[in-house]
């Protein structure tokens, strides 16, 4: 059951992102919303917060997958 849910979620995300990319409106893609959330264009603190969050998550996820823990 869970693999089907993850696959459906991923496919839905891909469809929504493709639509957002195709219509070329502002602030509707994931990247644009993350930039706005962290204020990466206007705030050095926002850029730092994003970098710490991104690298922290990436490091945790890599360890989680490779060591099958956490």
C-alpha atoms as a PDB file:
ATOM      1  CA  UNK A   1       0.000   0.000   0.000  1.00  0.00           C
ATOM      2  CA  UNK A   2       2.657   2.533   0.999  1.00  0.00           C
ATOM      3  CA  UNK A   3       4.727   2.171  -2.183  1.00  0.00           C
ATOM      4  CA  UNK A   4       1.599   2.929  -4.216  1.00  0.00           C
ATOM      5  CA  UNK A   5       0.928   6.049  -2.117  1.00  0.00           C
ATOM      6  CA  UNK A   6       4.520   7.293  -2.555  1.00  0.00           C
ATOM      7  CA  UNK A   7       4.385   6.648  -6.302  1.00  0.00           C
ATOM      8  CA  UNK A   8       1.017   8.447  -6.589  1.00  0.00           C
ATOM      9  CA  UNK A   9       2.337  11.399  -4.555  1.00  0.00           C
ATOM     10  CA  UNK A  10       5.476  11.641  -6.703  1.00  0.00           C
ATOM     11  CA  UNK A  11       3.465  11.485  -9.926  1.00  0.00           C
ATOM     12  CA  UNK A  12       1.026  14.139  -8.665  1.00  0.00           C
ATOM     13  CA  UNK A  13       3.940  16.398  -7.724  1.00  0.00           C
ATOM     14  CA  UNK A  14       5.506  15.900 -11.158  1.00  0.00           C
ATOM     15  CA  UNK A  15       2.234  16.808 -12.889  1.00  0.00           C
ATOM     16  CA  UNK A  16       1.740  19.952 -10.777  1.00  0.00           C
ATOM     17  CA  UNK A  17       5.348  21.043 -11.306  1.00  0.00           C
ATOM     18  CA  UNK A  18       5.132  20.467 -15.075  1.00  0.00           C
ATOM     19  CA  UNK A  19       1.954  22.564 -15.233  1.00  0.00           C
ATOM     20  CA  UNK A  20       3.641  25.307 -13.198  1.00  0.00           C
ATOM     21  CA  UNK A  21       6.681  25.254 -15.494  1.00  0.00           C
ATOM     22  CA  UNK A  22       4.552  25.323 -18.631  1.00  0.00           C
ATOM     23  CA  UNK A  23       2.335  28.259 -17.664  1.00  0.00           C
ATOM     24  CA  UNK A  24       5.294  30.527 -16.785  1.00  0.00           C
ATOM     25  CA  UNK A  25       3.417  32.362 -14.025  1.00  0.00           C
ATOM     26  CA  UNK A  26       5.425  33.713 -11.112  1.00  0.00           C
ATOM     27  CA  UNK A  27       5.566  31.988  -7.731  1.00  0.00           C
ATOM     28  CA  UNK A  28       3.991  28.657  -8.617  1.00  0.00           C
ATOM     29  CA  UNK A  29       6.935  26.250  -8.864  1.00  0.00           C
ATOM     30  CA  UNK A  30       8.534  24.513  -5.899  1.00  0.00           C
ATOM     31  CA  UNK A  31      11.804  26.412  -6.431  1.00  0.00           C
ATOM     32  CA  UNK A  32      10.104  29.800  -6.466  1.00  0.00           C
ATOM     33  CA  UNK A  33       8.174  28.997  -3.297  1.00  0.00           C
ATOM     34  CA  UNK A  34      11.297  27.773  -1.488  1.00  0.00           C
ATOM     35  CA  UNK A  35      13.139  30.951  -2.497  1.00  0.00           C
ATOM     36  CA  UNK A  36      10.251  33.034  -1.156  1.00  0.00           C
ATOM     37  CA  UNK A  37       9.968  30.979   2.043  1.00  0.00           C
ATOM     38  CA  UNK A  38      13.662  31.382   2.877  1.00  0.00           C
ATOM     39  CA  UNK A  39      13.939  34.869   1.270  1.00  0.00           C
ATOM     40  CA  UNK A  40      17.104  33.752  -0.504  1.00  0.00           C
ATOM     41  CA  UNK A  41      17.106  36.710  -2.891  1.00  0.00           C
ATOM     42  CA  UNK A  42      17.076  39.398  -0.216  1.00  0.00           C
ATOM     43  CA  UNK A  43      18.463  37.920   2.998  1.00  0.00           C
ATOM     44  CA  UNK A  44      21.871  36.495   3.782  1.00  0.00           C
ATOM     45  CA  UNK A  45      20.353  34.896   6.875  1.00  0.00           C
ATOM     46  CA  UNK A  46      17.697  33.298   4.666  1.00  0.00           C
ATOM     47  CA  UNK A  47      20.352  31.947   2.340  1.00  0.00           C
ATOM     48  CA  UNK A  48      22.284  30.551   5.306  1.00  0.00           C
ATOM     49  CA  UNK A  49      19.130  29.008   6.807  1.00  0.00           C
ATOM     50  CA  UNK A  50      18.328  27.340   3.498  1.00  0.00           C
ATOM     51  CA  UNK A  51      21.881  26.013   3.125  1.00  0.00           C
ATOM     52  CA  UNK A  52      21.928  24.587   6.665  1.00  0.00           C
ATOM     53  CA  UNK A  53      18.479  23.036   6.185  1.00  0.00           C
ATOM     54  CA  UNK A  54      19.317  21.570   2.782  1.00  0.00           C
ATOM     55  CA  UNK A  55      22.696  20.112   3.733  1.00  0.00           C
ATOM     56  CA  UNK A  56      21.375  18.888   7.063  1.00  0.00           C
ATOM     57  CA  UNK A  57      18.489  17.071   5.422  1.00  0.00           C
ATOM     58  CA  UNK A  58      20.696  15.705   2.633  1.00  0.00           C
ATOM     59  CA  UNK A  59      23.239  14.370   5.113  1.00  0.00           C
ATOM     60  CA  UNK A  60      20.573  12.809   7.316  1.00  0.00           C
ATOM     61  CA  UNK A  61      18.781  11.243   4.341  1.00  0.00           C
ATOM     62  CA  UNK A  62      21.987   9.764   2.930  1.00  0.00           C
ATOM     63  CA  UNK A  63      22.825   8.187   6.299  1.00  0.00           C
ATOM     64  CA  UNK A  64      19.240   7.031   6.715  1.00  0.00           C
ATOM     65  CA  UNK A  65      19.239   5.252   3.357  1.00  0.00           C
ATOM     66  CA  UNK A  66      22.759   3.824   3.554  1.00  0.00           C
ATOM     67  CA  UNK A  67      22.689   2.632   7.164  1.00  0.00           C
ATOM     68  CA  UNK A  68      18.966   1.801   7.394  1.00  0.00           C
ATOM     69  CA  UNK A  69      18.708   3.597  10.728  1.00  0.00           C
ATOM     70  CA  UNK A  70      17.021   6.654  12.228  1.00  0.00           C
END
